[in-house]
C-alpha atoms as a PDB file:
ATOM      1  CA  MET A   1     -67.055-157.886  -8.589  1.00  0.00           C
ATOM      2  CA  GLU A   2     -70.653-156.983  -9.400  1.00  0.00           C
ATOM      3  CA  VAL A   3     -71.767-153.447 -10.241  1.00  0.00           C
ATOM      4  CA  ARG A   4     -75.407-152.438 -10.671  1.00  0.00           C
ATOM      5  CA  ILE A   5     -75.874-150.240 -13.735  1.00  0.00           C
ATOM      6  CA  GLY A   6     -79.435-149.248 -14.517  1.00  0.00           C
ATOM      7  CA  ARG A   7     -81.586-152.345 -14.174  1.00  0.00           C
ATOM      8  CA  ARG A   8     -78.693-154.724 -14.866  1.00  0.00           C
ATOM      9  CA  VAL A   9     -75.934-156.082 -12.683  1.00  0.00           C
ATOM     10  CA  SER A  10     -72.578-155.825 -14.436  1.00  0.00           C
ATOM     11  CA  ARG A  11     -69.800-158.250 -13.590  1.00  0.00           C
ATOM     12  CA  GLY A  12     -67.158-155.778 -14.687  1.00  0.00           C
ATOM     13  CA  MET A  13     -67.214-156.343 -18.447  1.00  0.00           C
ATOM     14  CA  ILE A  14     -69.200-153.226 -19.356  1.00  0.00           C
ATOM     15  CA  PRO A  15     -66.847-150.857 -17.463  1.00  0.00           C
ATOM     16  CA  LEU A  16     -63.949-152.532 -19.278  1.00  0.00           C
ATOM     17  CA  LEU A  17     -65.785-152.010 -22.581  1.00  0.00           C
ATOM     18  CA  ALA A  18     -66.243-148.327 -21.755  1.00  0.00           C
ATOM     19  CA  LEU A  19     -62.566-147.985 -20.809  1.00  0.00           C
ATOM     20  CA  HIS A  20     -61.385-149.726 -23.975  1.00  0.00           C
ATOM     21  CA  THR A  21     -63.698-147.615 -26.165  1.00  0.00           C
ATOM     22  CA  PHE A  22     -62.468-144.400 -24.544  1.00  0.00           C
ATOM     23  CA  SER A  23     -58.857-145.501 -25.027  1.00  0.00           C
ATOM     24  CA  GLU A  24     -59.375-146.300 -28.725  1.00  0.00           C
ATOM     25  CA  TYR A  25     -61.124-142.988 -29.388  1.00  0.00           C
ATOM     26  CA  TYR A  26     -58.470-141.060 -27.490  1.00  0.00           C
ATOM     27  CA  ARG A  27     -55.767-142.546 -29.713  1.00  0.00           C
ATOM     28  CA  SER A  28     -57.792-142.185 -32.914  1.00  0.00           C
ATOM     29  CA  ASN A  29     -57.428-138.998 -34.950  1.00  0.00           C
ATOM     30  CA  SER A  30     -60.842-139.241 -36.627  1.00  0.00           C
ATOM     31  CA  LYS A  31     -63.072-140.219 -33.650  1.00  0.00           C
ATOM     32  CA  PRO A  32     -65.936-141.538 -35.828  1.00  0.00           C
ATOM     33  CA  PRO A  33     -69.296-140.480 -34.316  1.00  0.00           C
ATOM     34  CA  VAL A  34     -71.601-143.103 -35.895  1.00  0.00           C
ATOM     35  CA  THR A  35     -69.609-146.005 -34.441  1.00  0.00           C
ATOM     36  CA  ALA A  36     -69.717-144.381 -30.997  1.00  0.00           C
ATOM     37  CA  ALA A  37     -73.472-143.814 -31.315  1.00  0.00           C
ATOM     38  CA  LEU A  38     -74.091-147.464 -32.258  1.00  0.00           C
ATOM     39  CA  ILE A  39     -72.058-148.733 -29.302  1.00  0.00           C
ATOM     40  CA  ALA A  40     -73.861-146.347 -26.957  1.00  0.00           C
ATOM     41  CA  ALA A  41     -77.297-147.334 -28.308  1.00  0.00           C
ATOM     42  CA  ASN A  42     -76.670-151.076 -27.921  1.00  0.00           C
ATOM     43  CA  THR A  43     -75.278-150.598 -24.410  1.00  0.00           C
ATOM     44  CA  LEU A  44     -78.129-148.362 -23.231  1.00  0.00           C
ATOM     45  CA  ILE A  45     -80.733-150.774 -24.580  1.00  0.00           C
ATOM     46  CA  TYR A  46     -79.068-153.609 -22.659  1.00  0.00           C
ATOM     47  CA  LEU A  47     -78.728-151.614 -19.408  1.00  0.00           C
ATOM     48  CA  ARG A  48     -82.263-150.158 -19.646  1.00  0.00           C
ATOM     49  CA  PRO A  49     -81.764-147.093 -17.410  1.00  0.00           C
ATOM     50  CA  SER A  50     -84.816-145.723 -15.621  1.00  0.00           C
ATOM     51  CA  PHE A  51     -85.404-142.833 -18.037  1.00  0.00           C
ATOM     52  CA  LEU A  52     -85.580-145.280 -20.985  1.00  0.00           C
ATOM     53  CA  HIS A  53     -87.252-148.257 -19.342  1.00  0.00           C
ATOM     54  CA  SER A  54     -90.802-147.176 -20.157  1.00  0.00           C
ATOM     55  CA  LEU A  55     -89.879-146.355 -23.769  1.00  0.00           C
ATOM     56  CA  LEU A  56     -88.011-149.531 -24.686  1.00  0.00           C
ATOM     57  CA  PRO A  57     -89.923-152.719 -25.543  1.00  0.00           C
ATOM     58  CA  SER A  58     -88.909-155.823 -23.633  1.00  0.00           C
ATOM     59  CA  ILE A  59     -86.741-158.472 -25.237  1.00  0.00           C
ATOM     60  CA  ASP A  60     -89.749-160.785 -25.479  1.00  0.00           C
ATOM     61  CA  GLN A  61     -91.344-158.272 -27.842  1.00  0.00           C
ATOM     62  CA  VAL A  62     -88.383-158.013 -30.204  1.00  0.00           C
ATOM     63  CA  TRP A  63     -86.986-161.552 -30.543  1.00  0.00           C
ATOM     64  CA  PHE A  64     -86.253-162.256 -34.206  1.00  0.00           C
ATOM     65  CA  ASN A  65     -88.646-165.088 -35.031  1.00  0.00           C
ATOM     66  CA  PRO A  66     -89.356-165.718 -38.744  1.00  0.00           C
ATOM     67  CA  HIS A  67     -92.742-167.297 -38.028  1.00  0.00           C
ATOM     68  CA  LEU A  68     -94.014-164.354 -35.962  1.00  0.00           C
ATOM     69  CA  ILE A  69     -92.555-161.728 -38.292  1.00  0.00           C
ATOM     70  CA  LEU A  70     -94.220-163.177 -41.384  1.00  0.00           C
ATOM     71  CA  ARG A  71     -97.461-164.063 -39.666  1.00  0.00           C
ATOM     72  CA  HIS A  72     -98.006-160.674 -37.997  1.00  0.00           C
ATOM     73  CA  LYS A  73     -95.891-158.550 -40.348  1.00  0.00           C
ATOM     74  CA  ASP A  74     -93.990-157.477 -37.233  1.00  0.00           C
ATOM     75  CA  LEU A  75     -91.460-154.837 -38.302  1.00  0.00           C
ATOM     76  CA  LYS A  76     -90.543-154.197 -34.675  1.00  0.00           C
ATOM     77  CA  ARG A  77     -88.981-157.644 -34.395  1.00  0.00           C
ATOM     78  CA  PHE A  78     -87.408-157.258 -37.826  1.00  0.00           C
ATOM     79  CA  LEU A  79     -85.706-153.909 -37.121  1.00  0.00           C
ATOM     80  CA  LEU A  80     -85.034-153.841 -33.372  1.00  0.00           C
ATOM     81  CA  SER A  81     -83.789-157.372 -32.630  1.00  0.00           C
ATOM     82  CA  PRO A  82     -80.175-156.583 -33.669  1.00  0.00           C
ATOM     83  CA  PHE A  83     -79.901-153.990 -30.880  1.00  0.00           C
ATOM     84  CA  TYR A  84     -80.821-156.417 -28.062  1.00  0.00           C
ATOM     85  CA  HIS A  85     -78.436-158.857 -26.363  1.00  0.00           C
ATOM     86  CA  ILE A  86     -79.131-161.702 -23.978  1.00  0.00           C
ATOM     87  CA  GLY A  87     -76.155-161.219 -21.665  1.00  0.00           C
ATOM     88  CA  GLU A  88     -73.139-159.122 -20.800  1.00  0.00           C
ATOM     89  CA  PRO A  89     -70.576-161.336 -22.637  1.00  0.00           C
ATOM     90  CA  HIS A  90     -72.813-161.312 -25.728  1.00  0.00           C
ATOM     91  CA  LEU A  91     -73.007-157.506 -25.680  1.00  0.00           C
ATOM     92  CA  VAL A  92     -69.330-156.855 -24.923  1.00  0.00           C
ATOM     93  CA  TYR A  93     -68.035-159.281 -27.562  1.00  0.00           C
ATOM     94  CA  ASN A  94     -70.237-157.729 -30.258  1.00  0.00           C
ATOM     95  CA  MET A  95     -69.408-154.139 -29.253  1.00  0.00           C
ATOM     96  CA  LEU A  96     -65.654-154.785 -29.262  1.00  0.00           C
ATOM     97  CA  SER A  97     -66.025-156.232 -32.747  1.00  0.00           C
ATOM     98  CA  LEU A  98     -68.135-153.210 -33.789  1.00  0.00           C
ATOM     99  CA  LEU A  99     -65.512-150.845 -32.359  1.00  0.00           C
ATOM    100  CA  TRP A 100     -62.692-152.410 -34.359  1.00  0.00           C
ATOM    101  CA  LYS A 101     -64.600-152.683 -37.643  1.00  0.00           C
ATOM    102  CA  GLY A 102     -66.482-149.401 -37.283  1.00  0.00           C
ATOM    103  CA  ILE A 103     -63.433-147.211 -36.725  1.00  0.00           C
ATOM    104  CA  GLN A 104     -61.743-148.581 -39.843  1.00  0.00           C
ATOM    105  CA  LEU A 105     -64.795-148.431 -42.099  1.00  0.00           C
ATOM    106  CA  GLU A 106     -66.143-145.065 -40.947  1.00  0.00           C
ATOM    107  CA  THR A 107     -62.703-143.448 -41.167  1.00  0.00           C
ATOM    108  CA  SER A 108     -62.241-144.629 -44.745  1.00  0.00           C
ATOM    109  CA  MET A 109     -65.832-144.101 -45.946  1.00  0.00           C
ATOM    110  CA  GLY A 110     -66.998-141.042 -44.048  1.00  0.00           C
ATOM    111  CA  SER A 111     -69.791-140.893 -41.462  1.00  0.00           C
ATOM    112  CA  PHE A 112     -72.737-140.423 -43.839  1.00  0.00           C
ATOM    113  CA  GLU A 113     -71.619-143.250 -46.120  1.00  0.00           C
ATOM    114  CA  PHE A 114     -70.917-145.509 -43.140  1.00  0.00           C
ATOM    115  CA  ALA A 115     -74.321-144.834 -41.555  1.00  0.00           C
ATOM    116  CA  SER A 116     -75.980-145.572 -44.889  1.00  0.00           C
ATOM    117  CA  MET A 117     -74.031-148.821 -45.193  1.00  0.00           C
ATOM    118  CA  VAL A 118     -74.936-149.978 -41.659  1.00  0.00           C
ATOM    119  CA  ALA A 119     -78.638-149.287 -42.256  1.00  0.00           C
ATOM    120  CA  SER A 120     -78.505-151.169 -45.566  1.00  0.00           C
ATOM    121  CA  LEU A 121     -76.618-154.124 -44.081  1.00  0.00           C
ATOM    122  CA  LEU A 122     -79.025-154.351 -41.154  1.00  0.00           C
ATOM    123  CA  ALA A 123     -82.069-154.538 -43.413  1.00  0.00           C
ATOM    124  CA  MET A 124     -80.362-156.892 -45.886  1.00  0.00           C
ATOM    125  CA  SER A 125     -79.004-159.289 -43.241  1.00  0.00           C
ATOM    126  CA  GLN A 126     -82.390-159.518 -41.542  1.00  0.00           C
ATOM    127  CA  GLY A 127     -84.066-160.060 -44.899  1.00  0.00           C
ATOM    128  CA  MET A 128     -81.557-162.744 -45.883  1.00  0.00           C
ATOM    129  CA  THR A 129     -82.111-164.597 -42.598  1.00  0.00           C
ATOM    130  CA  LEU A 130     -85.864-164.409 -43.061  1.00  0.00           C
ATOM    131  CA  MET A 131     -85.627-165.669 -46.635  1.00  0.00           C
ATOM    132  CA  LEU A 132     -83.286-168.539 -45.704  1.00  0.00           C
ATOM    133  CA  SER A 133     -85.494-169.759 -42.863  1.00  0.00           C
ATOM    134  CA  LYS A 134     -88.623-169.610 -45.041  1.00  0.00           C
ATOM    135  CA  SER A 135     -86.835-171.456 -47.861  1.00  0.00           C
ATOM    136  CA  LEU A 136     -85.705-174.220 -45.501  1.00  0.00           C
ATOM    137  CA  LEU A 137     -89.288-174.601 -44.326  1.00  0.00           C
ATOM    138  CA  LEU A 138     -90.714-174.791 -47.850  1.00  0.00           C
ATOM    139  CA  PHE A 139     -88.114-177.064 -49.435  1.00  0.00           C
ATOM    140  CA  PHE A 140     -86.850-179.174 -46.530  1.00  0.00           C
ATOM    141  CA  ASP A 141     -89.591-178.846 -43.893  1.00  0.00           C
ATOM    142  CA  TYR A 142     -87.101-177.434 -41.373  1.00  0.00           C
ATOM    143  CA  GLU A 143     -89.594-175.697 -39.136  1.00  0.00           C
ATOM    144  CA  ARG A 144     -88.323-176.049 -35.598  1.00  0.00           C
ATOM    145  CA  PRO A 145     -84.535-175.655 -36.113  1.00  0.00           C
ATOM    146  CA  TYR A 146     -84.712-172.380 -38.047  1.00  0.00           C
ATOM    147  CA  TYR A 147     -88.199-171.098 -38.844  1.00  0.00           C
ATOM    148  CA  SER A 148     -89.355-171.055 -35.228  1.00  0.00           C
ATOM    149  CA  GLU A 149     -86.084-170.158 -33.490  1.00  0.00           C
ATOM    150  CA  TYR A 150     -85.610-166.946 -31.489  1.00  0.00           C
ATOM    151  CA  ALA A 151     -82.525-164.787 -31.900  1.00  0.00           C
ATOM    152  CA  VAL A 152     -81.204-161.318 -31.020  1.00  0.00           C
ATOM    153  CA  GLY A 153     -77.888-159.530 -31.391  1.00  0.00           C
ATOM    154  CA  PHE A 154     -75.810-157.359 -33.695  1.00  0.00           C
ATOM    155  CA  SER A 155     -73.635-160.192 -34.969  1.00  0.00           C
ATOM    156  CA  GLY A 156     -75.428-160.527 -38.327  1.00  0.00           C
ATOM    157  CA  VAL A 157     -74.564-156.921 -39.168  1.00  0.00           C
ATOM    158  CA  LEU A 158     -71.015-157.485 -37.908  1.00  0.00           C
ATOM    159  CA  PHE A 159     -70.526-160.456 -40.240  1.00  0.00           C
ATOM    160  CA  ALA A 160     -71.709-158.286 -43.138  1.00  0.00           C
ATOM    161  CA  MET A 161     -69.310-155.508 -42.097  1.00  0.00           C
ATOM    162  CA  LYS A 162     -66.491-158.059 -41.958  1.00  0.00           C
ATOM    163  CA  VAL A 163     -67.185-159.029 -45.567  1.00  0.00           C
ATOM    164  CA  VAL A 164     -67.117-155.374 -46.648  1.00  0.00           C
ATOM    165  CA  LEU A 165     -63.937-154.655 -44.685  1.00  0.00           C
ATOM    166  CA  ASN A 166     -62.017-157.608 -46.132  1.00  0.00           C
ATOM    167  CA  SER A 167     -63.526-157.622 -49.622  1.00  0.00           C
ATOM    168  CA  ARG A 168     -60.432-156.237 -51.357  1.00  0.00           C
ATOM    169  CA  SER A 169     -57.767-157.503 -48.982  1.00  0.00           C
ATOM    170  CA  ASP A 170     -55.060-159.867 -50.230  1.00  0.00           C
ATOM    171  CA  GLU A 171     -53.563-160.388 -46.778  1.00  0.00           C
ATOM    172  CA  TYR A 172     -53.970-163.217 -44.277  1.00  0.00           C
ATOM    173  CA  THR A 173     -55.624-162.985 -40.892  1.00  0.00           C
ATOM    174  CA  SER A 174     -55.929-165.206 -37.834  1.00  0.00           C
ATOM    175  CA  VAL A 175     -59.394-166.480 -36.949  1.00  0.00           C
ATOM    176  CA  TYR A 176     -59.239-168.106 -33.505  1.00  0.00           C
ATOM    177  CA  GLY A 177     -55.691-169.213 -34.222  1.00  0.00           C
ATOM    178  CA  VAL A 178     -56.370-170.410 -37.786  1.00  0.00           C
ATOM    179  CA  LEU A 179     -54.553-168.448 -40.520  1.00  0.00           C
ATOM    180  CA  VAL A 180     -56.865-167.823 -43.491  1.00  0.00           C
ATOM    181  CA  PRO A 181     -57.051-165.280 -46.355  1.00  0.00           C
ATOM    182  CA  SER A 182     -58.769-162.138 -45.072  1.00  0.00           C
ATOM    183  CA  ARG A 183     -61.485-162.224 -47.731  1.00  0.00           C
ATOM    184  CA  TYR A 184     -62.586-165.653 -46.445  1.00  0.00           C
ATOM    185  CA  ALA A 185     -62.287-164.785 -42.749  1.00  0.00           C
ATOM    186  CA  ALA A 186     -66.055-164.388 -42.306  1.00  0.00           C
ATOM    187  CA  TRP A 187     -66.683-167.900 -43.648  1.00  0.00           C
ATOM    188  CA  ALA A 188     -64.016-169.387 -41.376  1.00  0.00           C
ATOM    189  CA  GLU A 189     -65.455-167.576 -38.356  1.00  0.00           C
ATOM    190  CA  LEU A 190     -68.959-168.792 -39.245  1.00  0.00           C
ATOM    191  CA  ILE A 191     -67.840-172.432 -39.200  1.00  0.00           C
ATOM    192  CA  LEU A 192     -65.625-172.189 -36.101  1.00  0.00           C
ATOM    193  CA  ILE A 193     -68.236-170.339 -34.023  1.00  0.00           C
ATOM    194  CA  GLN A 194     -70.862-172.889 -34.982  1.00  0.00           C
ATOM    195  CA  MET A 195     -68.543-175.711 -33.933  1.00  0.00           C
ATOM    196  CA  PHE A 196     -67.354-174.349 -30.586  1.00  0.00           C
ATOM    197  CA  VAL A 197     -69.964-171.850 -29.368  1.00  0.00           C
ATOM    198  CA  PRO A 198     -73.341-173.397 -28.521  1.00  0.00           C
ATOM    199  CA  GLY A 199     -76.623-171.586 -29.019  1.00  0.00           C
ATOM    200  CA  VAL A 200     -75.558-169.179 -31.771  1.00  0.00           C
ATOM    201  CA  SER A 201     -77.774-168.401 -34.739  1.00  0.00           C
ATOM    202  CA  PHE A 202     -76.231-170.071 -37.789  1.00  0.00           C
ATOM    203  CA  LEU A 203     -78.750-168.516 -40.182  1.00  0.00           C
ATOM    204  CA  GLY A 204     -78.321-165.086 -38.628  1.00  0.00           C
ATOM    205  CA  HIS A 205     -74.569-165.155 -39.242  1.00  0.00           C
ATOM    206  CA  LEU A 206     -74.945-166.696 -42.686  1.00  0.00           C
ATOM    207  CA  GLY A 207     -77.525-164.055 -43.601  1.00  0.00           C
ATOM    208  CA  GLY A 208     -75.021-161.379 -42.580  1.00  0.00           C
ATOM    209  CA  ILE A 209     -72.303-162.822 -44.824  1.00  0.00           C
ATOM    210  CA  LEU A 210     -74.655-163.054 -47.784  1.00  0.00           C
ATOM    211  CA  ALA A 211     -75.852-159.487 -47.124  1.00  0.00           C
ATOM    212  CA  GLY A 212     -72.246-158.260 -47.203  1.00  0.00           C
ATOM    213  CA  ILE A 213     -71.575-160.046 -50.485  1.00  0.00           C
ATOM    214  CA  LEU A 214     -74.793-158.678 -52.018  1.00  0.00           C
ATOM    215  CA  TYR A 215     -73.973-155.160 -50.811  1.00  0.00           C
ATOM    216  CA  MET A 216     -70.544-155.267 -52.458  1.00  0.00           C
ATOM    217  CA  ARG A 217     -72.032-156.601 -55.702  1.00  0.00           C
ATOM    218  CA  LEU A 218     -74.608-153.821 -55.758  1.00  0.00           C
ATOM    219  CA  ARG A 219     -71.962-151.194 -55.022  1.00  0.00           C
ATOM    220  CA  GLY A 220     -69.795-152.586 -57.796  1.00  0.00           C
ATOM    221  CA  ASN A 221     -72.633-152.347 -60.317  1.00  0.00           C
ATOM    222  CA  TYR A 222     -73.900-148.963 -59.147  1.00  0.00           C
ATOM    223  CA  PHE A 223     -71.942-145.853 -60.054  1.00  0.00           C
ATOM    224  CA  GLY A 224     -72.018-143.019 -57.548  1.00  0.00           C
ATOM    225  CA  SER A 225     -73.327-142.887 -54.012  1.00  0.00           C
ATOM    226  CA  ASP A 226     -76.228-145.098 -53.024  1.00  0.00           C
ATOM    227  CA  PRO A 227     -79.621-143.354 -52.650  1.00  0.00           C
ATOM    228  CA  LEU A 228     -79.748-143.771 -48.870  1.00  0.00           C
ATOM    229  CA  SER A 229     -76.380-142.059 -48.521  1.00  0.00           C
ATOM    230  CA  VAL A 230     -77.549-139.177 -50.732  1.00  0.00           C
ATOM    231  CA  LEU A 231     -80.684-138.824 -48.587  1.00  0.00           C
ATOM    232  CA  MET A 232     -78.656-138.716 -45.368  1.00  0.00           C
ATOM    233  CA  ARG A 233     -76.294-136.122 -46.826  1.00  0.00           C
ATOM    234  CA  GLY A 234     -79.323-134.034 -47.809  1.00  0.00           C
ATOM    235  CA  VAL A 235     -80.707-134.200 -44.257  1.00  0.00           C
ATOM    236  CA  GLY A 236     -77.320-133.227 -42.854  1.00  0.00           C
ATOM    237  CA  SER A 237     -77.054-130.329 -45.297  1.00  0.00           C
ATOM    238  CA  ALA A 238     -80.528-129.120 -44.325  1.00  0.00           C
ATOM    239  CA  LEU A 239     -79.652-129.245 -40.623  1.00  0.00           C
ATOM    240  CA  ASN A 240     -76.450-127.257 -41.259  1.00  0.00           C
ATOM    241  CA  TRP A 241     -78.204-124.592 -43.381  1.00  0.00           C
ATOM    242  CA  PRO A 242     -78.794-122.086 -40.512  1.00  0.00           C
ATOM    243  CA  VAL A 243     -75.105-122.273 -39.579  1.00  0.00           C
ATOM    244  CA  ARG A 244     -74.016-121.685 -43.161  1.00  0.00           C
ATOM    245  CA  PHE A 245     -76.499-118.797 -43.489  1.00  0.00           C
ATOM    246  CA  LEU A 246     -75.194-117.017 -40.384  1.00  0.00           C
ATOM    247  CA  ARG A 247     -71.614-117.630 -41.462  1.00  0.00           C
ATOM    248  CA  GLY A 248     -72.380-116.035 -44.829  1.00  0.00           C
ATOM    249  CA  LEU A 249     -73.886-112.975 -43.133  1.00  0.00           C
ATOM    250  CA  LEU A 250     -70.828-112.513 -40.938  1.00  0.00           C
ATOM    251  CA  ARG A 251     -68.287-113.082 -43.698  1.00  0.00           C
ATOM    252  CA  LEU A 252     -66.349-109.921 -44.497  1.00  0.00           C
ATOM    253  CA  ARG A 253     -65.898-108.938 -48.097  1.00  0.00           C
ATOM    254  CA  ARG A 254     -62.267-108.339 -48.852  1.00  0.00           C
ATOM    255  CA  GLY A 255     -60.540-106.713 -51.770  1.00  0.00           C
ATOM    256  CA  ARG A 256     -63.673-104.862 -53.018  1.00  0.00           C
ATOM    257  CA  ILE A 257     -64.717-101.201 -52.824  1.00  0.00           C
ATOM    258  CA  THR A 258     -68.149-100.071 -53.890  1.00  0.00           C
ATOM    259  CA  GLY A 259     -67.923 -98.433 -57.301  1.00  0.00           C
ATOM    260  CA  ARG A 260     -67.442 -99.313 -60.930  1.00  0.00           C
ATOM    261  CA  GLY A 261     -63.978-100.857 -60.621  1.00  0.00           C
ATOM    262  CA  THR A 262     -61.859-102.991 -58.342  1.00  0.00           C
ATOM    263  CA  VAL A 263     -58.682-102.550 -56.355  1.00  0.00           C
ATOM    264  CA  GLY A 264     -55.889-105.126 -56.493  1.00  0.00           C
ATOM    265  CA  GLY A 265     -55.630-108.350 -58.473  1.00  0.00           C
ATOM    266  CA  GLY A 266     -58.819-110.115 -57.347  1.00  0.00           C
ATOM    267  CA  GLY A 267     -61.364-108.663 -59.762  1.00  0.00           C
ATOM    268  CA  GLY A 268     -59.142-106.768 -62.178  1.00  0.00           C
ATOM    269  CA  SER A 269     -57.100-109.822 -63.144  1.00  0.00           C
ATOM    270  CA  ARG A 270     -60.169-111.275 -64.808  1.00  0.00           C
ATOM    271  CA  ARG A 271     -60.825-108.135 -66.859  1.00  0.00           C
ATOM    272  CA  ARG A 272     -59.275-107.151 -70.172  1.00  0.00           C
ATOM    273  CA  ARG A 273     -56.889-104.237 -69.606  1.00  0.00           C
ATOM    274  CA  VAL A 274     -55.603-101.649 -72.061  1.00  0.00           C
ATOM    275  CA  SER A 275     -52.268 -99.904 -71.729  1.00  0.00           C
ATOM    276  CA  GLY A 276     -52.682 -97.186 -74.303  1.00  0.00           C
ATOM    277  CA  GLY A 277     -55.374 -94.923 -75.574  1.00  0.00           C
ATOM    278  CA  GLY A 278     -56.224 -96.804 -78.733  1.00  0.00           C
ATOM    279  CA  ASP A 279     -58.683 -99.319 -77.263  1.00  0.00           C
ATOM    280  CA  ASN A 280     -61.369 -97.823 -75.055  1.00  0.00           C
ATOM    281  CA  GLY A 281     -63.427-100.959 -74.614  1.00  0.00           C
ATOM    282  CA  GLY A 282     -61.347-102.542 -71.806  1.00  0.00           C
ATOM    283  CA  PHE A 283     -59.980-101.542 -68.410  1.00  0.00           C
ATOM    284  CA  TRP A 284     -56.686 -99.981 -67.361  1.00  0.00           C
ATOM    285  CA  ARG A 285     -55.016-100.169 -63.968  1.00  0.00           C
ATOM    286  CA  CYS A 286     -53.826 -97.025 -62.223  1.00  0.00           C
ATOM    287  CA  GLN A 287     -50.091 -97.121 -61.556  1.00  0.00           C
ATOM    288  CA  ALA A 288     -50.498 -95.229 -58.279  1.00  0.00           C
ATOM    289  CA  CYS A 289     -53.388 -96.949 -56.476  1.00  0.00           C
ATOM    290  CA  THR A 290     -53.904-100.134 -58.637  1.00  0.00           C
ATOM    291  CA  TYR A 291     -57.588 -99.256 -59.223  1.00  0.00           C
ATOM    292  CA  ASP A 292     -59.097-100.788 -62.399  1.00  0.00           C
ATOM    293  CA  ASN A 293     -60.704 -97.976 -64.410  1.00  0.00           C
ATOM    294  CA  SER A 294     -62.934 -98.046 -67.458  1.00  0.00           C
ATOM    295  CA  GLY A 295     -61.137 -97.782 -70.787  1.00  0.00           C
ATOM    296  CA  TYR A 296     -63.256 -94.739 -71.583  1.00  0.00           C
ATOM    297  CA  LEU A 297     -61.570 -92.706 -68.818  1.00  0.00           C
ATOM    298  CA  ASN A 298     -58.155 -91.067 -68.945  1.00  0.00           C
ATOM    299  CA  VAL A 299     -58.041 -90.170 -65.242  1.00  0.00           C
ATOM    300  CA  CYS A 300     -58.176 -92.613 -62.322  1.00  0.00           C
ATOM    301  CA  GLU A 301     -61.518 -92.492 -60.547  1.00  0.00           C
ATOM    302  CA  MET A 302     -59.893 -93.400 -57.267  1.00  0.00           C
ATOM    303  CA  CYS A 303     -56.894 -91.084 -56.889  1.00  0.00           C
ATOM    304  CA  GLY A 304     -57.006 -88.717 -59.891  1.00  0.00           C
ATOM    305  CA  THR A 305     -53.749 -89.930 -61.444  1.00  0.00           C
ATOM    306  CA  THR A 306     -53.600 -89.626 -65.216  1.00  0.00           C
ATOM    307  CA  ARG A 307     -53.720 -92.736 -67.352  1.00  0.00           C
ATOM    308  CA  ASP A 308     -50.073 -92.563 -68.358  1.00  0.00           C
ATOM    309  CA  GLY A 309     -49.024 -92.115 -64.721  1.00  0.00           C
ATOM    310  CA  SER A 310     -47.404 -88.719 -65.328  1.00  0.00           C
ATOM    311  CA  GLY A 311     -49.185 -86.965 -62.473  1.00  0.00           C
ATOM    312  CA  LEU A 312     -52.467 -85.796 -60.994  1.00  0.00           C
ATOM    313  CA  ALA A 313     -55.161 -84.381 -63.200  1.00  0.00           C
ATOM    314  CA  SER A 314     -56.780 -81.076 -62.310  1.00  0.00           C
ATOM    315  CA  MET A 315     -60.316 -82.031 -61.252  1.00  0.00           C
ATOM    316  CA  GLN A 316     -63.022 -80.051 -59.538  1.00  0.00           C
ATOM    317  CA  TRP A 317     -65.333 -81.502 -56.896  1.00  0.00           C
ATOM    318  CA  GLY A 318     -66.968 -78.225 -56.022  1.00  0.00           C
ATOM    319  CA  ARG A 319     -63.502 -76.797 -55.131  1.00  0.00           C
ATOM    320  CA  ASP A 320     -59.938 -76.878 -56.497  1.00  0.00           C
ATOM    321  CA  LEU A 321     -58.029 -79.948 -55.356  1.00  0.00           C
ATOM    322  CA  ASP A 322     -54.635 -79.023 -56.762  1.00  0.00           C
ATOM    323  CA  GLY A 323     -51.881 -79.231 -54.233  1.00  0.00           C
ATOM    324  CA  LEU A 324     -53.574 -81.844 -51.967  1.00  0.00           C
ATOM    325  CA  PRO A 325     -51.441 -84.839 -50.972  1.00  0.00           C
ATOM    326  CA  LEU A 326     -52.045 -88.085 -52.855  1.00  0.00           C
ATOM    327  CA  ASP A 327     -53.252 -89.869 -49.680  1.00  0.00           C
ATOM    328  CA  GLU A 328     -55.835 -87.151 -49.092  1.00  0.00           C
ATOM    329  CA  LEU A 329     -57.092 -87.483 -52.650  1.00  0.00           C
ATOM    330  CA  ARG A 330     -57.445 -91.244 -52.241  1.00  0.00           C
ATOM    331  CA  ARG A 331     -59.331 -90.836 -48.978  1.00  0.00           C
ATOM    332  CA  ARG A 332     -61.744 -88.352 -50.526  1.00  0.00           C
ATOM    333  CA  ARG A 333     -62.297 -90.612 -53.530  1.00  0.00           C
ATOM    334  CA  ILE A 334     -63.113 -93.537 -51.205  1.00  0.00           C
ATOM    335  CA  ASP A 335     -65.517 -91.338 -49.231  1.00  0.00           C
ATOM    336  CA  ARG A 336     -67.173 -90.312 -52.449  1.00  0.00           C
ATOM    337  CA  PHE A 337     -67.837 -93.849 -53.696  1.00  0.00           C
ATOM    338  CA  THR A 338     -68.831 -95.298 -50.319  1.00  0.00           C
ATOM    339  CA  GLY A 339     -71.210 -92.456 -49.554  1.00  0.00           C
ATOM    340  CA  ARG A 340     -69.386 -91.231 -46.425  1.00  0.00           C
ATOM    341  CA  ARG A 341     -69.223 -87.521 -45.555  1.00  0.00           C
END
C-alpha cells in the first residue's frame, strides 16, 4: 500500500514508525522530549511538507563529501547531512534505533545533558569522518573510495550513542544473531553491516564509534558538566525566568505577621529565647499566642499576656482594655501591627 505524505510516497513504513513511537512514549513514564524532537525533525526533513519545502535545502546541497567540505569550507554539508536520508527504509531503521537509544540515554542523563551530548557527538563524528578520509588520501592515496564519496544519514551519531550507552555494561547483547559483549557491540555491528549491507558508509560509522570513545574519554577526564550542557541549562533558565518571576509574585507568605516578632515555630525557632527575666538580650515566646517577643519586654505585643503567663497586663491604647476577651485582644493587636482600622 502506498500513501502520499508531503512530497514523498510512503509504502507504509513511516505510519508504522509513528505508531511504534507513540506506543513507546505512551508506555514510558519520562517521555523524553529531545528524542521525540530529533525523530520529528528527521522525518519532516525526509517528507518535505509544502510549508517547509522552500526552506529546506535539497539533498544534493547537503551530501557529506569530504572534498567539497574542505574545498569550499561548506558547513551546511558538515552539519545538515546527518538529518537527510535517501529512502524510507534508511529513515525508519535509523529512527527506530534513535528511539531505543534516545529514551534510555535521555531518561538517565536528563534532557539538557542529552541534547548537549547529541550535539557534541554529531560534530565529533562528522569531524572524525572528515579527518579519516583526508588521512587516507594523504597517506594511502585513497581518493575515490572515501575522500570523494557522498553520504547522508544519522547512523554516525547512532554508532556514537551506542558506544556511550554500552560503555559501562558488562552484559552480552545480540548483534544480528551474534552474541557479543555489549561494550563491543558497535564494533561487531560495524563489521557485519559492512559485510551484508551494500552501499553503507564505512568511514561514517567508524567515525561515529571513534567519536563515542573520544566523548567518553573527555567526560572521564573532565569533572562537572560539559560547557555546552551548562550553556543550554543557562538558556533554559533564562526562558523560564518570567514564569518563576510570576510564581514568586503570586506565592503567599505563610507563618509571618508584619511586626517585630514572629508567630509559630518558623522564625522563632531560629532565635535565642529567654525564659526568665535575667537575660534581656534574647526573645521569649508568649504562652498564650506563641508570639516571639523581644527580651526587653515583659508583656506580649500580640495579646497582652504577661511574660510569666499569669494573666493579661493592664494596657491602654487610648481606652481601658481590661475585661475584653483574649480573642478580641489578639484581633486588635493584629489590626494594630498590620495597619488595619
